[in-house]
């Protein structure tokens, strides 16, 4: 029996090793000469970790000098620190219920830091946006109009201190058809510094990643809908609400061509370019909507984050985490 178990373990280890070896190294696909000013054609991609179930929500800690990211199915936040590598930062992270979670995505999704450097997370299983401090979670947004949120997905702070987040149903076991879904739409919300929650738009079926332009006059929102895979650009009004949005880029054709992934997480560099995960990898999109090129990952890719000195891009790609040096910079939250 022991010999059989050892053989089974060895076989499982070999299979895992073979699967890891199949994770492709990202490559750069240039669509415009302007891309060379943002990232070198021969940029080197470094794999920092692998073997996770679904990596999401990367964020760099300026105070700590490390990266955090979510492994949603494992209900964990993972830490990568230079010189020390991978470790478990927090588990459980997004679901703290007494009963076993029946869906595939109980953990945290999008992560960020507020102006005081405190970790803020979108918690799928707990259906809220919450702040981690002194070893406990403080809910920041859990209900709208008396109804529970779906499963907050990604979050970003405005310089005013207001918090913006998206609320698709991906964390619900049956998603759009889940009987526990209380809101009849998927919203984009603003939480004011006094705690007031405002629904900004409910026009998107699957709102996902979001980010402000450098001047904060535009809010970009990704939609992860295979039938309408788009990135929207919304003007930000003086009171923090949104004006009528327009489609900045449409990737529906690529999604229907079965390129891996959908519009998901995104960040903006200081020049206003979007670095947005989508079909095939990370799309690099100019502020005028020109597709400059793609970091082709070969796998569904969830999100990106700026780290280190602001010129390093971290990429959560399916079961792995990568980083690459760029020629541009992005703002690090906190």
Protein backbone atom coordinates (compact mmCIF):
# COMPACT_ATOMS: atom_id res chain seq x y z
CA UNK A 1 0.00 0.00 0.00
CA UNK A 2 2.78 2.42 0.92
CA UNK A 3 4.60 1.60 -2.32
CA UNK A 4 1.43 2.32 -4.30
CA UNK A 5 0.90 5.64 -2.50
CA UNK A 6 4.47 6.70 -3.16
CA UNK A 7 4.06 5.83 -6.82
CA UNK A 8 0.83 7.81 -7.00
CA UNK A 9 2.48 10.80 -5.36
CA UNK A 10 5.39 10.58 -7.80
CA UNK A 11 2.99 10.39 -10.75
CA UNK A 12 1.04 13.38 -9.48
CA UNK A 13 4.26 15.34 -9.02
CA UNK A 14 5.35 14.47 -12.56
CA UNK A 15 1.99 15.56 -13.97
CA UNK A 16 2.16 18.86 -12.06
CA UNK A 17 5.70 19.43 -13.36
CA UNK A 18 4.53 18.80 -16.94
CA UNK A 19 1.64 21.20 -16.54
CA UNK A 20 3.93 23.89 -15.14
CA UNK A 21 6.28 23.46 -18.08
CA UNK A 22 3.36 24.19 -20.41
CA UNK A 23 2.89 27.70 -19.03
CA UNK A 24 4.09 29.86 -21.93
CA UNK A 25 6.43 32.81 -21.50
CA UNK A 26 4.68 36.04 -22.59
CA UNK A 27 5.70 37.70 -25.83
CA UNK A 28 5.11 41.17 -27.25
CA UNK A 29 2.95 41.65 -30.35
CA UNK A 30 3.42 45.15 -31.79
CA UNK A 31 0.60 46.82 -33.70
CA UNK A 32 2.01 50.37 -33.72
CA UNK A 33 5.58 51.77 -33.70
CA UNK A 34 4.49 53.85 -30.68
CA UNK A 35 4.61 50.68 -28.58
CA UNK A 36 8.43 50.77 -28.63
CA UNK A 37 8.31 53.90 -26.47
CA UNK A 38 6.38 52.01 -23.79
CA UNK A 39 8.02 48.59 -23.67
CA UNK A 40 11.09 47.15 -25.38
CA UNK A 41 10.41 44.55 -28.11
CA UNK A 42 12.83 42.20 -26.35
CA UNK A 43 11.62 42.89 -22.81
CA UNK A 44 12.34 40.00 -20.46
CA UNK A 45 9.45 38.41 -18.56
CA UNK A 46 10.25 36.91 -15.17
CA UNK A 47 7.98 34.27 -13.66
CA UNK A 48 7.70 34.89 -9.92
CA UNK A 49 5.40 32.02 -8.99
CA UNK A 50 3.05 29.41 -10.41
CA UNK A 51 0.73 26.60 -9.41
CA UNK A 52 -2.09 28.80 -8.14
CA UNK A 53 -5.69 28.19 -9.16
CA UNK A 54 -6.63 31.67 -10.48
CA UNK A 55 -4.48 34.73 -9.79
CA UNK A 56 -6.10 38.16 -9.57
CA UNK A 57 -5.99 41.62 -8.01
CA UNK A 58 -2.22 42.37 -7.83
CA UNK A 59 -1.18 45.44 -5.85
CA UNK A 60 2.23 46.72 -4.80
CA UNK A 61 2.81 47.83 -1.21
CA UNK A 62 4.91 50.99 -1.25
CA UNK A 63 5.37 50.83 2.51
CA UNK A 64 6.30 47.15 2.63
CA UNK A 65 8.08 46.75 -0.70
CA UNK A 66 6.16 43.60 -1.67
CA UNK A 67 3.36 42.44 -3.96
CA UNK A 68 0.01 41.05 -2.88
CA UNK A 69 -2.38 39.18 -5.15
CA UNK A 70 -5.52 37.08 -4.79
CA UNK A 71 -5.87 33.36 -5.44
CA UNK A 72 -9.65 33.47 -5.60
CA UNK A 73 -10.58 29.75 -5.60
CA UNK A 74 -8.20 29.13 -2.68
CA UNK A 75 -9.76 31.97 -0.65
CA UNK A 76 -6.30 33.40 -0.05
CA UNK A 77 -4.18 36.50 -0.53
CA UNK A 78 -0.63 35.65 -1.55
CA UNK A 79 2.52 37.71 -0.92
CA UNK A 80 5.61 37.93 -3.10
CA UNK A 81 8.61 39.69 -1.60
CA UNK A 82 11.96 40.32 -3.32
CA UNK A 83 14.60 38.00 -1.96
CA UNK A 84 12.05 35.92 -0.07
CA UNK A 85 9.64 34.72 -2.75
CA UNK A 86 6.09 33.48 -2.26
CA UNK A 87 4.25 33.14 1.04
CA UNK A 88 0.66 33.07 2.25
CA UNK A 89 -0.39 36.50 3.45
CA UNK A 90 -3.98 35.87 4.51
CA UNK A 91 -6.38 32.93 4.52
CA UNK A 92 -9.34 32.99 4.57
CA UNK A 93 -9.52 36.23 2.65
CA UNK A 94 -12.86 36.73 0.90
CA UNK A 95 -15.26 34.31 2.58
CA UNK A 96 -15.65 33.84 6.33
CA UNK A 97 -18.99 32.02 6.51
CA UNK A 98 -19.58 29.02 8.75
CA UNK A 99 -20.93 26.88 5.91
CA UNK A 100 -18.72 25.58 3.06
CA UNK A 101 -18.80 27.89 0.05
CA UNK A 102 -20.49 26.10 -2.85
CA UNK A 103 -19.19 28.27 -5.70
CA UNK A 104 -15.79 28.30 -7.42
CA UNK A 105 -14.70 31.82 -6.40
CA UNK A 106 -14.99 32.52 -2.65
CA UNK A 107 -11.88 34.65 -2.13
CA UNK A 108 -10.85 38.23 -2.59
CA UNK A 109 -10.62 39.67 -6.09
CA UNK A 110 -9.38 43.23 -6.64
CA UNK A 111 -6.98 44.66 -4.05
CA UNK A 112 -5.73 48.21 -3.46
CA UNK A 113 -4.39 50.48 -0.75
CA UNK A 114 -6.12 53.64 0.49
CA UNK A 115 -4.33 56.95 1.09
CA UNK A 116 -3.34 55.77 4.58
CA UNK A 117 -1.73 52.63 3.15
CA UNK A 118 -4.43 50.27 4.44
CA UNK A 119 -5.34 47.23 2.35
CA UNK A 120 -8.81 47.36 0.77
CA UNK A 121 -10.25 44.24 -0.89
CA UNK A 122 -13.23 43.12 -2.93
CA UNK A 123 -14.54 40.02 -1.14
CA UNK A 124 -16.51 37.65 -3.33
CA UNK A 125 -17.87 35.26 -0.71
CA UNK A 126 -18.66 37.95 1.87
CA UNK A 127 -20.17 40.13 -0.89
CA UNK A 128 -18.55 43.36 0.21
CA UNK A 129 -15.65 45.76 -0.10
CA UNK A 130 -13.71 45.77 3.15
CA UNK A 131 -10.59 47.27 4.74
CA UNK A 132 -8.00 45.15 6.55
CA UNK A 133 -6.60 46.77 9.69
CA UNK A 134 -5.45 45.57 13.10
CA UNK A 135 -6.14 41.97 12.11
CA UNK A 136 -9.82 42.45 11.26
CA UNK A 137 -11.96 43.34 8.25
CA UNK A 138 -14.00 46.56 8.38
CA UNK A 139 -16.86 46.57 5.81
CA UNK A 140 -16.90 49.68 3.61
CA UNK A 141 -19.71 48.72 1.22
CA UNK A 142 -21.99 45.70 1.57
CA UNK A 143 -25.49 46.83 0.62
CA UNK A 144 -27.17 49.21 -1.79
CA UNK A 145 -30.78 50.31 -1.42
CA UNK A 146 -31.13 47.77 1.38
CA UNK A 147 -30.05 44.85 -0.80
CA UNK A 148 -26.83 42.84 -0.64
CA UNK A 149 -24.25 43.53 -3.30
CA UNK A 150 -23.55 40.78 -5.83
CA UNK A 151 -19.81 40.16 -5.42
CA UNK A 152 -17.59 43.26 -5.68
CA UNK A 153 -14.87 42.68 -8.25
CA UNK A 154 -12.39 45.55 -8.52
CA UNK A 155 -11.79 48.80 -6.65
CA UNK A 156 -9.92 52.09 -7.10
CA UNK A 157 -9.64 55.31 -5.09
CA UNK A 158 -10.04 58.85 -6.42
CA UNK A 159 -7.70 61.54 -5.04
CA UNK A 160 -10.72 62.97 -3.19
CA UNK A 161 -10.80 59.80 -1.08
CA UNK A 162 -13.94 58.49 -2.78
CA UNK A 163 -13.91 54.77 -3.59
CA UNK A 164 -15.15 53.38 -6.91
CA UNK A 165 -15.89 49.69 -7.49
CA UNK A 166 -17.65 47.25 -9.80
CA UNK A 167 -20.18 44.61 -8.76
CA UNK A 168 -20.73 41.73 -11.21
CA UNK A 169 -22.02 38.35 -9.97
CA UNK A 170 -18.89 36.24 -10.56
CA UNK A 171 -18.55 35.37 -6.88
CA UNK A 172 -22.08 33.97 -6.64
CA UNK A 173 -22.25 30.19 -7.15
CA UNK A 174 -24.75 30.48 -10.03
CA UNK A 175 -23.73 33.99 -11.04
CA UNK A 176 -26.54 35.84 -12.87
CA UNK A 177 -29.02 33.07 -12.04
CA UNK A 178 -28.10 32.66 -8.39
CA UNK A 179 -31.18 32.61 -6.12
CA UNK A 180 -29.28 34.67 -3.53
CA UNK A 181 -28.76 37.53 -5.99
CA UNK A 182 -30.70 40.48 -4.58
CA UNK A 183 -29.92 43.29 -7.05
CA UNK A 184 -31.41 42.94 -10.56
CA UNK A 185 -28.39 44.59 -12.21
CA UNK A 186 -24.60 44.77 -12.13
CA UNK A 187 -23.49 48.20 -11.00
CA UNK A 188 -20.55 50.55 -10.86
CA UNK A 189 -20.58 52.41 -7.53
CA UNK A 190 -19.00 55.35 -5.75
CA UNK A 191 -18.54 55.41 -1.99
CA UNK A 192 -18.05 58.94 -0.69
CA UNK A 193 -15.75 59.66 2.25
CA UNK A 194 -18.83 59.94 4.49
CA UNK A 195 -19.87 56.40 3.54
CA UNK A 196 -22.66 57.36 1.14
CA UNK A 197 -23.00 54.79 -1.66
CA UNK A 198 -24.11 55.97 -5.12
CA UNK A 199 -24.97 53.80 -8.10
CA UNK A 200 -23.14 55.40 -11.04
CA UNK A 201 -24.29 53.15 -13.86
CA UNK A 202 -26.07 49.83 -14.32
CA UNK A 203 -25.79 49.67 -18.10
CA UNK A 204 -23.06 47.03 -18.17
CA UNK A 205 -23.90 43.34 -17.93
CA UNK A 206 -20.48 42.35 -16.58
CA UNK A 207 -18.49 45.35 -15.28
CA UNK A 208 -15.04 44.33 -14.15
CA UNK A 209 -11.73 46.23 -13.92
CA UNK A 210 -11.65 50.00 -13.61
CA UNK A 211 -9.08 52.80 -13.50
CA UNK A 212 -8.89 56.59 -13.72
CA UNK A 213 -7.04 58.56 -16.36
CA UNK A 214 -4.06 60.51 -14.93
CA UNK A 215 -6.12 63.72 -14.67
CA UNK A 216 -9.06 61.76 -13.18
CA UNK A 217 -11.42 63.24 -15.74
CA UNK A 218 -12.18 59.80 -17.21
CA UNK A 219 -13.06 56.49 -15.57
CA UNK A 220 -12.34 53.41 -17.67
CA UNK A 221 -14.40 50.27 -17.04
CA UNK A 222 -13.91 46.85 -18.61
CA UNK A 223 -16.83 44.58 -19.45
CA UNK A 224 -16.17 40.81 -19.30
CA UNK A 225 -19.00 39.79 -21.59
CA UNK A 226 -18.11 37.44 -24.47
CA UNK A 227 -21.00 38.90 -26.46
CA UNK A 228 -19.87 42.50 -25.88
CA UNK A 229 -16.22 42.54 -24.80
CA UNK A 230 -15.48 46.25 -24.46
CA UNK A 231 -13.68 48.93 -22.52
CA UNK A 232 -15.84 51.95 -21.67
CA UNK A 233 -14.70 55.52 -21.04
CA UNK A 234 -16.90 57.63 -18.75
CA UNK A 235 -16.41 61.34 -18.12
CA UNK A 236 -16.19 62.08 -14.39
CA UNK A 237 -18.43 64.95 -13.30
CA UNK A 238 -17.43 67.56 -10.71
CA UNK A 239 -19.56 65.80 -8.07
CA UNK A 240 -17.87 62.44 -8.74
CA UNK A 241 -20.74 60.92 -10.73
CA UNK A 242 -20.33 59.73 -14.31
CA UNK A 243 -21.51 61.21 -17.57
CA UNK A 244 -22.58 59.27 -20.65
CA UNK A 245 -19.96 56.67 -21.50
CA UNK A 246 -18.53 55.70 -24.86
CA UNK A 247 -16.84 52.54 -26.10
CA UNK A 248 -13.08 53.12 -26.14
CA UNK A 249 -12.18 49.70 -27.58
CA UNK A 250 -14.18 46.69 -28.71
CA UNK A 251 -12.56 43.25 -28.47
CA UNK A 252 -15.69 41.19 -29.14
CA UNK A 253 -14.31 39.77 -32.39
CA UNK A 254 -11.18 38.54 -30.61
CA UNK A 255 -13.27 37.06 -27.79
CA UNK A 256 -15.49 35.21 -30.26
CA UNK A 257 -12.36 33.99 -32.05
CA UNK A 258 -11.63 32.13 -28.79
CA UNK A 259 -8.51 34.03 -27.85
CA UNK A 260 -8.06 33.21 -24.15
CA UNK A 261 -9.54 35.69 -21.71
CA UNK A 262 -11.94 38.62 -21.68
CA UNK A 263 -11.62 42.30 -20.72
CA UNK A 264 -10.80 42.13 -17.02
CA UNK A 265 -8.43 44.15 -14.83
CA UNK A 266 -6.65 47.26 -16.07
CA UNK A 267 -4.26 50.01 -15.05
CA UNK A 268 -3.25 53.32 -16.65
CA UNK A 269 0.27 54.69 -17.01
CA UNK A 270 1.25 58.33 -16.45
CA UNK A 271 0.95 59.02 -20.20
CA UNK A 272 -2.68 57.89 -20.14
CA UNK A 273 -2.24 54.54 -21.89
CA UNK A 274 -4.35 51.62 -20.71
CA UNK A 275 -2.68 48.32 -19.84
CA UNK A 276 -5.79 46.17 -19.93
CA UNK A 277 -6.15 42.42 -19.74
CA UNK A 278 -8.32 41.03 -22.51
CA UNK A 279 -8.53 38.31 -25.16
CA UNK A 280 -5.00 37.01 -25.71
CA UNK A 281 -3.23 38.82 -22.89
CA UNK A 282 -2.59 42.44 -21.93
CA UNK A 283 -3.82 45.02 -24.44
CA UNK A 284 -1.95 48.32 -24.54
CA UNK A 285 -4.38 51.02 -25.65
CA UNK A 286 -3.67 54.71 -26.25
CA UNK A 287 -6.05 57.30 -24.73
CA UNK A 288 -7.59 57.86 -28.17
CA UNK A 289 -8.49 54.17 -28.43
CA UNK A 290 -5.61 53.07 -30.68
CA UNK A 291 -4.54 49.49 -30.01
CA UNK A 292 -0.74 49.81 -29.78
CA UNK A 293 0.02 46.16 -29.10
CA UNK A 294 -0.51 43.18 -26.83
CA UNK A 295 1.53 41.29 -24.30
CA UNK A 296 0.53 37.82 -25.48
CA UNK A 297 0.34 35.42 -22.55
CA UNK A 298 -1.33 32.44 -24.20
CA UNK A 299 -3.65 32.00 -21.20
CA UNK A 300 -6.63 33.83 -19.68
CA UNK A 301 -5.12 36.84 -17.94
CA UNK A 302 -6.87 38.58 -15.07
CA UNK A 303 -5.07 41.74 -14.03
CA UNK A 304 -1.95 43.90 -13.87
CA UNK A 305 -0.32 46.29 -11.39
CA UNK A 306 2.52 48.78 -11.31
CA UNK A 307 5.22 48.10 -8.74
CA UNK A 308 8.77 48.71 -7.58
CA UNK A 309 9.69 52.18 -8.90
CA UNK A 310 6.46 52.39 -10.91
CA UNK A 311 8.04 51.16 -14.14
CA UNK A 312 7.61 47.44 -13.43
CA UNK A 313 4.41 45.75 -14.57
CA UNK A 314 3.15 42.73 -12.61
CA UNK A 315 0.79 40.37 -14.45
CA UNK A 316 -1.54 37.78 -12.95
CA UNK A 317 -1.94 35.25 -15.78
CA UNK A 318 -4.16 32.28 -14.97
CA UNK A 319 -2.10 30.12 -12.57
CA UNK A 320 1.08 32.20 -12.60
CA UNK A 321 2.46 35.63 -11.73
CA UNK A 322 4.93 37.52 -13.97
CA UNK A 323 6.77 40.82 -14.02
CA UNK A 324 8.38 42.86 -16.79
CA UNK A 325 10.20 46.17 -16.95
CA UNK A 326 8.57 48.91 -19.06
CA UNK A 327 9.64 52.29 -20.43
CA UNK A 328 6.72 54.05 -18.81
CA UNK A 329 5.42 54.37 -15.27
CA UNK A 330 2.16 54.02 -13.42
CA UNK A 331 0.84 55.31 -10.12
CA UNK A 332 1.14 52.95 -7.19
CA UNK A 333 -1.83 53.26 -4.77
CA UNK A 334 -1.42 54.13 -1.13
